Amino acid sequence: MRIGGCSPAIASTARGWGPGLEFSIRKRKRASGTRKIFAPEDFKFLLQLPAFAIVSCLVPERGWAAVCRSMERLGSASFAAQDSRVLQTLRSFGLAGDDDLRRVRATRHEHHIQIMRERLGGWNPAIALQGIEHLEAAQNAGHGAVLWIAHFSFNALAAKIAFARAGFEVFHVSRPEHGFTKSRFGIRFLNPIRIGAELRYAAGRVVIDRADPAASMNEARRLLRANKFVSITAGAWEGEVLVTARIGESGIEVASGAPRLAKIAGAPLLPVFVGRDDSTGQLHVVVERPIDLARHRDKADMIQGAAQEFADRHLPYLQSWPHQWRDWEKLTAFIPR
């Protein structure tokens, strides 16, 4: 099965996850268009920004979560429109009602408060880095590693802080709109607030050039050859080749760039999960053992197998930190092909 020149949707039978299960890989074409000068989310964020700044400086960190949940109660939230199979998945992880959705959304606000605290006075959270032996093994092998970071609310800043404290140089691959909004105003004036906070700890940023997407991957390969680490956040907002994996009775779509880069560069693919223990307030950055990319018969099978293994690795963290995963609202009903 080939990825290059493939049809818009490719069905690939995955081995190891039960008989008859089939998953899909698809290529997408990005619609060309001009970014808006100013977007509604810019205005909303400009209204929220002073509140985030005040809370970050005046409220003790242990109180941030309560403030953010209070902010979310002012808005509406509902899981009611979800497909029954998606609702079944949500219930299996303890997400039973609209208040759970508000808690999920509140953690995003809390991430913004963390960023403001870092920019205004420095954020010094308690972070435990687990799985450092996998980073050291990759460094000793001389090919660096691709860090595939699960999309939990606190991953963006906490993971970078943990890696920097441990002495690892990590370069983050991100889209041009990385930050808060996608408008030209947001990219110019708002997003640098977040990017600046992250670059205090990241070794650098590899920005995806959509006019020449191979250039950013070539830069990432160069870094891996120099025995550096490259991080990519799991999601479907970037990349041409997307793959759907199964979580419970639902499917989640992610871009295939991380496993493809690791395979081409001969570097290990290390899943990373970031979450907070709400009973202690401590953040945990967990680096797991590498995903095996060598056991698959072809490129499509490798992409699908890596995505499904990554999804499977999510399960204990979704049980432990259900309100901290960012992608519950992106789940779709899983329909075997």
C-alpha atoms as a PDB file:
ATOM      1  CA  MET A   1       0.000   0.000   0.000  1.00  0.00           C
ATOM      2  CA  ARG A   2       1.479   3.353  -1.030  1.00  0.00           C
ATOM      3  CA  ILE A   3       0.978   6.758   0.513  1.00  0.00           C
ATOM      4  CA  GLY A   4       2.308   8.777  -2.383  1.00  0.00           C
ATOM      5  CA  GLY A   5      -0.365   9.091  -5.046  1.00  0.00           C
ATOM      6  CA  CYS A   6      -2.979   7.440  -2.874  1.00  0.00           C
ATOM      7  CA  SER A   7      -6.683   8.027  -3.223  1.00  0.00           C
ATOM      8  CA  PRO A   8      -8.431  10.475  -0.842  1.00  0.00           C
ATOM      9  CA  ALA A   9      -9.248   7.670   1.593  1.00  0.00           C
ATOM     10  CA  ILE A  10      -7.305   4.442   2.055  1.00  0.00           C
ATOM     11  CA  ALA A  11      -8.523   1.549   4.156  1.00  0.00           C
ATOM     12  CA  SER A  12      -5.789  -0.377   5.945  1.00  0.00           C
ATOM     13  CA  THR A  13      -6.468  -3.505   7.988  1.00  0.00           C
ATOM     14  CA  ALA A  14      -4.564  -3.240  11.263  1.00  0.00           C
ATOM     15  CA  ARG A  15      -3.128  -6.316  12.946  1.00  0.00           C
ATOM     16  CA  GLY A  16      -2.990  -6.737  16.688  1.00  0.00           C
ATOM     17  CA  TRP A  17      -6.134  -4.853  17.738  1.00  0.00           C
ATOM     18  CA  GLY A  18      -8.770  -7.510  17.158  1.00  0.00           C
ATOM     19  CA  PRO A  19     -10.128  -9.405  14.154  1.00  0.00           C
ATOM     20  CA  GLY A  20     -11.734  -7.476  11.351  1.00  0.00           C
ATOM     21  CA  LEU A  21     -10.870  -4.015  12.623  1.00  0.00           C
ATOM     22  CA  GLU A  22     -10.043  -1.608   9.824  1.00  0.00           C
ATOM     23  CA  PHE A  23      -8.788   1.922  10.040  1.00  0.00           C
ATOM     24  CA  SER A  24      -8.320   4.704   7.528  1.00  0.00           C
ATOM     25  CA  ILE A  25      -5.580   6.925   6.195  1.00  0.00           C
ATOM     26  CA  ARG A  26      -6.451   9.889   4.023  1.00  0.00           C
ATOM     27  CA  LYS A  27      -4.722  12.691   2.178  1.00  0.00           C
ATOM     28  CA  ARG A  28      -6.179  16.149   2.264  1.00  0.00           C
ATOM     29  CA  LYS A  29      -5.813  19.209   0.125  1.00  0.00           C
ATOM     30  CA  ARG A  30      -5.600  22.464   1.992  1.00  0.00           C
ATOM     31  CA  ALA A  31      -7.940  25.102   0.658  1.00  0.00           C
ATOM     32  CA  SER A  32      -6.050  28.195  -0.351  1.00  0.00           C
ATOM     33  CA  GLY A  33      -7.257  31.348   1.297  1.00  0.00           C
ATOM     34  CA  THR A  34      -6.202  34.581   2.883  1.00  0.00           C
ATOM     35  CA  ARG A  35      -6.098  34.866   6.649  1.00  0.00           C
ATOM     36  CA  LYS A  36      -8.556  37.249   8.235  1.00  0.00           C
ATOM     37  CA  ILE A  37      -7.067  40.477   9.479  1.00  0.00           C
ATOM     38  CA  PHE A  38      -9.007  40.237  12.746  1.00  0.00           C
ATOM     39  CA  ALA A  39     -11.181  37.391  14.037  1.00  0.00           C
ATOM     40  CA  PRO A  40     -13.881  37.124  16.742  1.00  0.00           C
ATOM     41  CA  GLU A  41     -11.577  34.967  18.860  1.00  0.00           C
ATOM     42  CA  ASP A  42      -9.077  37.861  18.890  1.00  0.00           C
ATOM     43  CA  PHE A  43     -11.652  40.116  20.530  1.00  0.00           C
ATOM     44  CA  LYS A  44     -12.611  37.399  23.012  1.00  0.00           C
ATOM     45  CA  PHE A  45      -8.985  36.758  23.949  1.00  0.00           C
ATOM     46  CA  LEU A  46      -8.273  40.489  24.307  1.00  0.00           C
ATOM     47  CA  LEU A  47     -11.129  40.666  26.828  1.00  0.00           C
ATOM     48  CA  GLN A  48      -9.815  37.628  28.720  1.00  0.00           C
ATOM     49  CA  LEU A  49      -6.142  38.619  28.689  1.00  0.00           C
ATOM     50  CA  PRO A  50      -6.286  41.168  31.562  1.00  0.00           C
ATOM     51  CA  ALA A  51      -8.193  38.649  33.696  1.00  0.00           C
ATOM     52  CA  PHE A  52      -5.602  35.949  33.007  1.00  0.00           C
ATOM     53  CA  ALA A  53      -2.808  38.369  33.893  1.00  0.00           C
ATOM     54  CA  ILE A  54      -4.458  39.472  37.162  1.00  0.00           C
ATOM     55  CA  VAL A  55      -5.213  35.897  38.237  1.00  0.00           C
ATOM     56  CA  SER A  56      -1.683  34.753  37.376  1.00  0.00           C
ATOM     57  CA  CYS A  57      -0.154  37.408  39.650  1.00  0.00           C
ATOM     58  CA  LEU A  58      -2.648  37.701  42.498  1.00  0.00           C
ATOM     59  CA  VAL A  59      -4.231  34.270  42.923  1.00  0.00           C
ATOM     60  CA  PRO A  60      -2.135  31.394  44.355  1.00  0.00           C
ATOM     61  CA  GLU A  61      -1.548  28.663  41.799  1.00  0.00           C
ATOM     62  CA  ARG A  62      -3.673  26.161  43.723  1.00  0.00           C
ATOM     63  CA  GLY A  63      -6.652  28.483  43.150  1.00  0.00           C
ATOM     64  CA  TRP A  64      -6.313  28.827  39.377  1.00  0.00           C
ATOM     65  CA  ALA A  65      -8.438  25.789  38.572  1.00  0.00           C
ATOM     66  CA  ALA A  66     -11.393  27.052  40.625  1.00  0.00           C
ATOM     67  CA  VAL A  67     -11.223  30.486  38.982  1.00  0.00           C
ATOM     68  CA  CYS A  68     -11.198  28.911  35.519  1.00  0.00           C
ATOM     69  CA  ARG A  69     -14.138  26.663  36.288  1.00  0.00           C
ATOM     70  CA  SER A  70     -16.064  29.738  37.467  1.00  0.00           C
ATOM     71  CA  MET A  71     -15.252  31.443  34.164  1.00  0.00           C
ATOM     72  CA  GLU A  72     -16.610  28.474  32.228  1.00  0.00           C
ATOM     73  CA  ARG A  73     -19.871  28.451  34.185  1.00  0.00           C
ATOM     74  CA  LEU A  74     -20.671  31.790  32.558  1.00  0.00           C
ATOM     75  CA  GLY A  75     -20.885  30.091  29.159  1.00  0.00           C
ATOM     76  CA  SER A  76     -22.825  27.203  27.687  1.00  0.00           C
ATOM     77  CA  ALA A  77     -21.535  23.662  27.258  1.00  0.00           C
ATOM     78  CA  SER A  78     -23.171  20.478  26.103  1.00  0.00           C
ATOM     79  CA  PHE A  79     -22.190  16.967  25.071  1.00  0.00           C
ATOM     80  CA  ALA A  80     -25.809  16.381  23.988  1.00  0.00           C
ATOM     81  CA  ALA A  81     -25.192  16.666  20.252  1.00  0.00           C
ATOM     82  CA  GLN A  82     -22.589  13.888  20.217  1.00  0.00           C
ATOM     83  CA  ASP A  83     -23.173  10.522  18.524  1.00  0.00           C
ATOM     84  CA  SER A  84     -24.296   7.758  20.914  1.00  0.00           C
ATOM     85  CA  ARG A  85     -21.024   5.861  20.439  1.00  0.00           C
ATOM     86  CA  VAL A  86     -19.031   8.970  21.294  1.00  0.00           C
ATOM     87  CA  LEU A  87     -21.167   9.506  24.380  1.00  0.00           C
ATOM     88  CA  GLN A  88     -20.477   5.885  25.347  1.00  0.00           C
ATOM     89  CA  THR A  89     -16.748   6.563  25.104  1.00  0.00           C
ATOM     90  CA  LEU A  90     -17.059   9.704  27.200  1.00  0.00           C
ATOM     91  CA  ARG A  91     -19.006   7.874  29.907  1.00  0.00           C
ATOM     92  CA  SER A  92     -16.422   5.092  29.997  1.00  0.00           C
ATOM     93  CA  PHE A  93     -13.843   7.691  31.083  1.00  0.00           C
ATOM     94  CA  GLY A  94     -16.123   9.277  33.662  1.00  0.00           C
ATOM     95  CA  LEU A  95     -17.293  12.232  31.568  1.00  0.00           C
ATOM     96  CA  ALA A  96     -20.995  12.076  32.255  1.00  0.00           C
ATOM     97  CA  GLY A  97     -22.401  15.554  31.788  1.00  0.00           C
ATOM     98  CA  ASP A  98     -22.043  19.173  30.790  1.00  0.00           C
ATOM     99  CA  ASP A  99     -20.148  20.091  33.970  1.00  0.00           C
ATOM    100  CA  ASP A 100     -17.409  17.683  32.874  1.00  0.00           C
ATOM    101  CA  LEU A 101     -17.153  19.511  29.570  1.00  0.00           C
ATOM    102  CA  ARG A 102     -16.837  22.812  31.428  1.00  0.00           C
ATOM    103  CA  ARG A 103     -13.993  21.334  33.486  1.00  0.00           C
ATOM    104  CA  VAL A 104     -12.266  20.201  30.288  1.00  0.00           C
ATOM    105  CA  ARG A 105     -12.552  23.681  28.788  1.00  0.00           C
ATOM    106  CA  ALA A 106     -11.464  25.309  32.058  1.00  0.00           C
ATOM    107  CA  THR A 107      -8.069  23.610  31.858  1.00  0.00           C
ATOM    108  CA  ARG A 108      -7.407  25.497  28.612  1.00  0.00           C
ATOM    109  CA  HIS A 109      -7.930  28.788  30.443  1.00  0.00           C
ATOM    110  CA  GLU A 110      -5.577  27.585  33.146  1.00  0.00           C
ATOM    111  CA  HIS A 111      -2.900  26.949  30.533  1.00  0.00           C
ATOM    112  CA  HIS A 112      -3.262  30.585  29.452  1.00  0.00           C
ATOM    113  CA  ILE A 113      -2.791  31.677  33.069  1.00  0.00           C
ATOM    114  CA  GLN A 114       0.397  29.588  33.246  1.00  0.00           C
ATOM    115  CA  ILE A 115       1.684  31.395  30.172  1.00  0.00           C
ATOM    116  CA  MET A 116       0.862  34.821  31.586  1.00  0.00           C
ATOM    117  CA  ARG A 117       2.562  33.932  34.861  1.00  0.00           C
ATOM    118  CA  GLU A 118       5.672  32.875  32.947  1.00  0.00           C
ATOM    119  CA  ARG A 119       5.728  36.101  30.945  1.00  0.00           C
ATOM    120  CA  LEU A 120       5.010  38.438  33.874  1.00  0.00           C
ATOM    121  CA  GLY A 121       6.983  36.965  36.738  1.00  0.00           C
ATOM    122  CA  GLY A 122       8.250  33.503  35.869  1.00  0.00           C
ATOM    123  CA  TRP A 123       6.391  30.272  36.505  1.00  0.00           C
ATOM    124  CA  ASN A 124       8.146  27.727  38.698  1.00  0.00           C
ATOM    125  CA  PRO A 125       5.851  24.679  38.877  1.00  0.00           C
ATOM    126  CA  ALA A 126       6.589  21.384  40.586  1.00  0.00           C
ATOM    127  CA  ILE A 127       7.262  18.970  37.724  1.00  0.00           C
ATOM    128  CA  ALA A 128       8.331  15.327  37.825  1.00  0.00           C
ATOM    129  CA  LEU A 129      10.002  14.034  34.663  1.00  0.00           C
ATOM    130  CA  GLN A 130       9.492  10.293  34.320  1.00  0.00           C
ATOM    131  CA  GLY A 131      11.060   8.023  31.696  1.00  0.00           C
ATOM    132  CA  ILE A 132      14.272  10.003  31.439  1.00  0.00           C
ATOM    133  CA  GLU A 133      16.035   6.711  30.636  1.00  0.00           C
ATOM    134  CA  HIS A 134      14.319   6.679  27.221  1.00  0.00           C
ATOM    135  CA  LEU A 135      15.694  10.137  26.441  1.00  0.00           C
ATOM    136  CA  GLU A 136      19.170   9.120  27.569  1.00  0.00           C
ATOM    137  CA  ALA A 137      19.068   5.906  25.519  1.00  0.00           C
ATOM    138  CA  ALA A 138      18.085   7.854  22.416  1.00  0.00           C
ATOM    139  CA  GLN A 139      20.859  10.375  23.006  1.00  0.00           C
ATOM    140  CA  ASN A 140      23.415   7.637  23.546  1.00  0.00           C
ATOM    141  CA  ALA A 141      22.350   5.998  20.255  1.00  0.00           C
ATOM    142  CA  GLY A 142      23.236   9.241  18.468  1.00  0.00           C
ATOM    143  CA  HIS A 143      20.051   9.840  16.450  1.00  0.00           C
ATOM    144  CA  GLY A 144      18.090  12.043  18.834  1.00  0.00           C
ATOM    145  CA  ALA A 145      14.386  11.246  19.092  1.00  0.00           C
ATOM    146  CA  VAL A 146      10.999  12.399  17.889  1.00  0.00           C
ATOM    147  CA  LEU A 147       8.845  13.261  20.896  1.00  0.00           C
ATOM    148  CA  TRP A 148       5.176  12.691  20.015  1.00  0.00           C
ATOM    149  CA  ILE A 149       3.396  14.771  22.623  1.00  0.00           C
ATOM    150  CA  ALA A 150      -0.202  13.911  23.475  1.00  0.00           C
ATOM    151  CA  HIS A 151      -2.622  16.832  23.318  1.00  0.00           C
ATOM    152  CA  PHE A 152      -3.284  17.401  27.024  1.00  0.00           C
ATOM    153  CA  SER A 153      -3.977  20.873  28.389  1.00  0.00           C
ATOM    154  CA  PHE A 154      -0.684  21.474  30.197  1.00  0.00           C
ATOM    155  CA  ASN A 155       1.742  19.871  27.758  1.00  0.00           C
ATOM    156  CA  ALA A 156       2.900  22.931  25.809  1.00  0.00           C
ATOM    157  CA  LEU A 157       4.801  24.771  28.518  1.00  0.00           C
ATOM    158  CA  ALA A 158       5.299  22.162  31.259  1.00  0.00           C
ATOM    159  CA  ALA A 159       6.991  19.638  28.941  1.00  0.00           C
ATOM    160  CA  LYS A 160       9.438  22.248  27.656  1.00  0.00           C
ATOM    161  CA  ILE A 161      10.293  23.309  31.200  1.00  0.00           C
ATOM    162  CA  ALA A 162      10.851  19.679  32.274  1.00  0.00           C
ATOM    163  CA  PHE A 163      13.136  18.896  29.334  1.00  0.00           C
ATOM    164  CA  ALA A 164      15.137  22.098  29.785  1.00  0.00           C
ATOM    165  CA  ARG A 165      15.600  21.464  33.499  1.00  0.00           C
ATOM    166  CA  ALA A 166      16.925  17.998  32.688  1.00  0.00           C
ATOM    167  CA  GLY A 167      19.384  19.405  30.137  1.00  0.00           C
ATOM    168  CA  PHE A 168      17.818  18.137  26.899  1.00  0.00           C
ATOM    169  CA  GLU A 169      17.724  20.349  23.806  1.00  0.00           C
ATOM    170  CA  VAL A 170      14.266  20.041  22.261  1.00  0.00           C
ATOM    171  CA  PHE A 171      13.201  21.839  19.083  1.00  0.00           C
ATOM    172  CA  HIS A 172       9.448  22.111  18.596  1.00  0.00           C
ATOM    173  CA  VAL A 173       7.765  21.756  15.190  1.00  0.00           C
ATOM    174  CA  SER A 174       4.736  24.031  14.965  1.00  0.00           C
ATOM    175  CA  ARG A 175       2.386  25.653  12.498  1.00  0.00           C
ATOM    176  CA  PRO A 176       2.555  29.358  11.578  1.00  0.00           C
ATOM    177  CA  GLU A 177      -0.589  30.058  13.657  1.00  0.00           C
ATOM    178  CA  HIS A 178       0.804  28.460  16.823  1.00  0.00           C
ATOM    179  CA  GLY A 179      -0.472  30.393  19.803  1.00  0.00           C
ATOM    180  CA  PHE A 180      -3.967  31.687  20.481  1.00  0.00           C
ATOM    181  CA  THR A 181      -5.568  32.733  17.163  1.00  0.00           C
ATOM    182  CA  LYS A 182      -5.225  32.291  13.400  1.00  0.00           C
ATOM    183  CA  SER A 183      -5.764  35.864  12.203  1.00  0.00           C
ATOM    184  CA  ARG A 184      -3.030  38.161  10.954  1.00  0.00           C
ATOM    185  CA  PHE A 185      -3.569  40.371  14.001  1.00  0.00           C
ATOM    186  CA  GLY A 186      -3.327  37.380  16.330  1.00  0.00           C
ATOM    187  CA  ILE A 187      -0.186  36.023  14.696  1.00  0.00           C
ATOM    188  CA  ARG A 188       1.480  39.429  14.849  1.00  0.00           C
ATOM    189  CA  PHE A 189       0.461  40.624  18.313  1.00  0.00           C
ATOM    190  CA  LEU A 190      -1.127  37.850  20.425  1.00  0.00           C
ATOM    191  CA  ASN A 191       0.593  34.585  19.570  1.00  0.00           C
ATOM    192  CA  PRO A 192       4.088  35.881  20.433  1.00  0.00           C
ATOM    193  CA  ILE A 193       2.947  35.999  24.078  1.00  0.00           C
ATOM    194  CA  ARG A 194       2.758  32.203  24.106  1.00  0.00           C
ATOM    195  CA  ILE A 195       5.654  31.578  21.735  1.00  0.00           C
ATOM    196  CA  GLY A 196       7.935  33.794  23.822  1.00  0.00           C
ATOM    197  CA  ALA A 197       7.085  31.879  26.990  1.00  0.00           C
ATOM    198  CA  GLU A 198       7.827  28.541  25.323  1.00  0.00           C
ATOM    199  CA  LEU A 199      11.087  29.693  23.735  1.00  0.00           C
ATOM    200  CA  ARG A 200      12.528  30.429  27.164  1.00  0.00           C
ATOM    201  CA  TYR A 201      12.792  26.642  27.512  1.00  0.00           C
ATOM    202  CA  ALA A 202      12.688  25.143  24.011  1.00  0.00           C
ATOM    203  CA  ALA A 203      15.973  25.056  22.117  1.00  0.00           C
ATOM    204  CA  GLY A 204      14.211  26.415  19.042  1.00  0.00           C
ATOM    205  CA  ARG A 205      11.130  26.356  16.851  1.00  0.00           C
ATOM    206  CA  VAL A 206      10.767  24.752  13.418  1.00  0.00           C
ATOM    207  CA  VAL A 207       7.919  26.579  11.660  1.00  0.00           C
ATOM    208  CA  ILE A 208       6.045  24.666   8.976  1.00  0.00           C
ATOM    209  CA  ASP A 209       6.123  26.427   5.599  1.00  0.00           C
ATOM    210  CA  ARG A 210       2.949  25.359   3.777  1.00  0.00           C
ATOM    211  CA  ALA A 211       4.366  26.575   0.480  1.00  0.00           C
ATOM    212  CA  ASP A 212       7.295  24.183   0.990  1.00  0.00           C
ATOM    213  CA  PRO A 213       6.341  21.662   3.720  1.00  0.00           C
ATOM    214  CA  ALA A 214       9.364  19.471   2.960  1.00  0.00           C
ATOM    215  CA  ALA A 215      11.672  22.259   4.156  1.00  0.00           C
ATOM    216  CA  SER A 216      10.551  22.006   7.785  1.00  0.00           C
ATOM    217  CA  MET A 217      10.840  18.214   7.737  1.00  0.00           C
ATOM    218  CA  ASN A 218      14.329  18.497   6.249  1.00  0.00           C
ATOM    219  CA  GLU A 219      15.267  20.886   9.058  1.00  0.00           C
ATOM    220  CA  ALA A 220      13.867  18.449  11.616  1.00  0.00           C
ATOM    221  CA  ARG A 221      15.885  15.604  10.039  1.00  0.00           C
ATOM    222  CA  ARG A 222      19.019  17.750  10.221  1.00  0.00           C
ATOM    223  CA  LEU A 223      18.435  18.292  13.935  1.00  0.00           C
ATOM    224  CA  LEU A 224      17.929  14.579  14.520  1.00  0.00           C
ATOM    225  CA  ARG A 225      21.156  13.800  12.654  1.00  0.00           C
ATOM    226  CA  ALA A 226      22.854  16.225  15.044  1.00  0.00           C
ATOM    227  CA  ASN A 227      21.483  14.116  17.942  1.00  0.00           C
ATOM    228  CA  LYS A 228      18.919  16.734  19.000  1.00  0.00           C
ATOM    229  CA  PHE A 229      15.311  16.118  20.042  1.00  0.00           C
ATOM    230  CA  VAL A 230      12.338  17.187  17.936  1.00  0.00           C
ATOM    231  CA  SER A 231       8.870  17.461  19.467  1.00  0.00           C
ATOM    232  CA  ILE A 232       5.538  17.360  17.620  1.00  0.00           C
ATOM    233  CA  THR A 233       2.160  17.755  19.315  1.00  0.00           C
ATOM    234  CA  ALA A 234      -0.347  15.129  18.202  1.00  0.00           C
ATOM    235  CA  GLY A 235      -3.296  16.598  16.316  1.00  0.00           C
ATOM    236  CA  ALA A 236      -5.002  16.924  12.943  1.00  0.00           C
ATOM    237  CA  TRP A 237      -4.499  20.656  12.439  1.00  0.00           C
ATOM    238  CA  GLU A 238      -1.393  20.201  10.282  1.00  0.00           C
ATOM    239  CA  GLY A 239      -0.076  17.709   7.751  1.00  0.00           C
ATOM    240  CA  GLU A 240      -1.232  16.259   4.458  1.00  0.00           C
ATOM    241  CA  VAL A 241      -1.610  12.612   5.514  1.00  0.00           C
ATOM    242  CA  LEU A 242      -4.075  11.996   8.344  1.00  0.00           C
ATOM    243  CA  VAL A 243      -4.846   8.723  10.093  1.00  0.00           C
ATOM    244  CA  THR A 244      -7.778   7.689  12.285  1.00  0.00           C
ATOM    245  CA  ALA A 245      -7.176   5.541  15.367  1.00  0.00           C
ATOM    246  CA  ARG A 246      -9.662   4.042  17.773  1.00  0.00           C
ATOM    247  CA  ILE A 247     -10.304   5.100  21.376  1.00  0.00           C
ATOM    248  CA  GLY A 248     -13.181   3.183  22.917  1.00  0.00           C
ATOM    249  CA  GLU A 249     -16.123   3.303  20.537  1.00  0.00           C
ATOM    250  CA  SER A 250     -14.786   6.443  18.893  1.00  0.00           C
ATOM    251  CA  GLY A 251     -12.190   7.527  16.371  1.00  0.00           C
ATOM    252  CA  ILE A 252      -9.624  10.297  16.642  1.00  0.00           C
ATOM    253  CA  GLU A 253      -7.745  11.679  13.653  1.00  0.00           C
ATOM    254  CA  VAL A 254      -4.079  12.708  13.895  1.00  0.00           C
ATOM    255  CA  ALA A 255      -1.440  13.800  11.429  1.00  0.00           C
ATOM    256  CA  SER A 256       1.157  11.216  10.483  1.00  0.00           C
ATOM    257  CA  GLY A 257       4.193  13.513  10.500  1.00  0.00           C
ATOM    258  CA  ALA A 258       5.757  12.235  13.740  1.00  0.00           C
ATOM    259  CA  PRO A 259       6.018   8.526  12.821  1.00  0.00           C
ATOM    260  CA  ARG A 260       7.000   9.339   9.237  1.00  0.00           C
ATOM    261  CA  LEU A 261       9.790  11.659  10.419  1.00  0.00           C
ATOM    262  CA  ALA A 262      11.068   9.124  12.959  1.00  0.00           C
ATOM    263  CA  LYS A 263      11.093   6.341  10.371  1.00  0.00           C
ATOM    264  CA  ILE A 264      12.897   8.392   7.725  1.00  0.00           C
ATOM    265  CA  ALA A 265      15.457   9.731  10.219  1.00  0.00           C
ATOM    266  CA  GLY A 266      16.043   6.378  11.914  1.00  0.00           C
ATOM    267  CA  ALA A 267      15.198   7.982  15.258  1.00  0.00           C
ATOM    268  CA  PRO A 268      13.058   6.508  18.043  1.00  0.00           C
ATOM    269  CA  LEU A 269       9.465   7.709  18.368  1.00  0.00           C
ATOM    270  CA  LEU A 270       8.791   8.460  22.050  1.00  0.00           C
ATOM    271  CA  PRO A 271       5.231   9.160  23.242  1.00  0.00           C
ATOM    272  CA  VAL A 272       4.994  11.902  25.871  1.00  0.00           C
ATOM    273  CA  PHE A 273       2.074  12.478  28.237  1.00  0.00           C
ATOM    274  CA  VAL A 274       1.684  15.508  30.509  1.00  0.00           C
ATOM    275  CA  GLY A 275      -0.841  15.809  33.308  1.00  0.00           C
ATOM    276  CA  ARG A 276      -1.358  17.214  36.758  1.00  0.00           C
ATOM    277  CA  ASP A 277      -2.146  15.317  39.920  1.00  0.00           C
ATOM    278  CA  ASP A 278      -4.897  17.541  41.289  1.00  0.00           C
ATOM    279  CA  SER A 279      -4.458  16.149  44.808  1.00  0.00           C
ATOM    280  CA  THR A 280      -0.886  17.464  45.052  1.00  0.00           C
ATOM    281  CA  GLY A 281      -0.690  20.051  42.261  1.00  0.00           C
ATOM    282  CA  GLN A 282       2.400  18.351  40.823  1.00  0.00           C
ATOM    283  CA  LEU A 283       2.741  18.090  37.061  1.00  0.00           C
ATOM    284  CA  HIS A 284       3.981  14.835  35.561  1.00  0.00           C
ATOM    285  CA  VAL A 285       5.805  14.669  32.236  1.00  0.00           C
ATOM    286  CA  VAL A 286       5.949  11.006  31.266  1.00  0.00           C
ATOM    287  CA  VAL A 287       8.207   9.822  28.429  1.00  0.00           C
ATOM    288  CA  GLU A 288       7.227   6.301  27.401  1.00  0.00           C
ATOM    289  CA  ARG A 289       9.198   3.555  25.673  1.00  0.00           C
ATOM    290  CA  PRO A 290       9.576   3.909  21.890  1.00  0.00           C
ATOM    291  CA  ILE A 291       6.822   2.880  19.510  1.00  0.00           C
ATOM    292  CA  ASP A 292       8.152   0.044  17.343  1.00  0.00           C
ATOM    293  CA  LEU A 293       8.172   1.254  13.719  1.00  0.00           C
ATOM    294  CA  ALA A 294      10.174  -1.652  12.276  1.00  0.00           C
ATOM    295  CA  ARG A 295       7.569  -4.403  12.513  1.00  0.00           C
ATOM    296  CA  HIS A 296       5.203  -3.147   9.828  1.00  0.00           C
ATOM    297  CA  ARG A 297       5.029  -4.398   6.249  1.00  0.00           C
ATOM    298  CA  ASP A 298       4.855  -1.025   4.450  1.00  0.00           C
ATOM    299  CA  LYS A 299       4.573   2.705   4.994  1.00  0.00           C
ATOM    300  CA  ALA A 300       0.789   2.828   5.329  1.00  0.00           C
ATOM    301  CA  ASP A 301       0.798  -0.059   7.798  1.00  0.00           C
ATOM    302  CA  MET A 302       3.553   1.661   9.779  1.00  0.00           C
ATOM    303  CA  ILE A 303       1.601   4.933   9.965  1.00  0.00           C
ATOM    304  CA  GLN A 304      -1.603   3.215  11.010  1.00  0.00           C
ATOM    305  CA  GLY A 305       0.106   0.909  13.494  1.00  0.00           C
ATOM    306  CA  ALA A 306       2.009   3.780  15.127  1.00  0.00           C
ATOM    307  CA  ALA A 307      -1.136   5.886  15.419  1.00  0.00           C
ATOM    308  CA  GLN A 308      -3.119   3.060  16.986  1.00  0.00           C
ATOM    309  CA  GLU A 309      -0.364   2.192  19.446  1.00  0.00           C
ATOM    310  CA  PHE A 310      -0.139   5.870  20.387  1.00  0.00           C
ATOM    311  CA  ALA A 311      -3.918   5.933  20.921  1.00  0.00           C
ATOM    312  CA  ASP A 312      -3.700   2.776  23.053  1.00  0.00           C
ATOM    313  CA  ARG A 313      -0.979   4.378  25.187  1.00  0.00           C
ATOM    314  CA  HIS A 314      -3.451   7.202  25.955  1.00  0.00           C
ATOM    315  CA  LEU A 315      -5.880   4.954  27.812  1.00  0.00           C
ATOM    316  CA  PRO A 316      -4.387   4.952  31.349  1.00  0.00           C
ATOM    317  CA  TYR A 317      -3.781   8.707  31.178  1.00  0.00           C
ATOM    318  CA  LEU A 318      -7.340   9.358  30.028  1.00  0.00           C
ATOM    319  CA  GLN A 319      -8.510   7.372  33.039  1.00  0.00           C
ATOM    320  CA  SER A 320      -6.233   9.308  35.402  1.00  0.00           C
ATOM    321  CA  TRP A 321      -6.590  12.803  33.874  1.00  0.00           C
ATOM    322  CA  PRO A 322      -9.884  12.773  31.927  1.00  0.00           C
ATOM    323  CA  HIS A 323     -10.522  16.516  32.243  1.00  0.00           C
ATOM    324  CA  GLN A 324      -7.083  17.429  30.908  1.00  0.00           C
ATOM    325  CA  TRP A 325      -7.283  15.904  27.404  1.00  0.00           C
ATOM    326  CA  ARG A 326      -7.960  18.537  24.753  1.00  0.00           C
ATOM    327  CA  ASP A 327      -9.561  16.330  22.088  1.00  0.00           C
ATOM    328  CA  TRP A 328     -12.783  14.935  23.569  1.00  0.00           C
ATOM    329  CA  GLU A 329     -14.829  17.246  21.345  1.00  0.00           C
ATOM    330  CA  LYS A 330     -12.956  15.995  18.268  1.00  0.00           C
ATOM    331  CA  LEU A 331     -14.016  12.374  18.690  1.00  0.00           C
ATOM    332  CA  THR A 332     -16.198  10.870  15.979  1.00  0.00           C
ATOM    333  CA  ALA A 333     -18.117   7.610  15.924  1.00  0.00           C
ATOM    334  CA  PHE A 334     -15.797   4.743  15.057  1.00  0.00           C
ATOM    335  CA  ILE A 335     -17.148   2.888  12.038  1.00  0.00           C
ATOM    336  CA  PRO A 336     -15.061  -0.108  10.843  1.00  0.00           C
ATOM    337  CA  ARG A 337     -14.596  -0.085   7.085  1.00  0.00           C
END
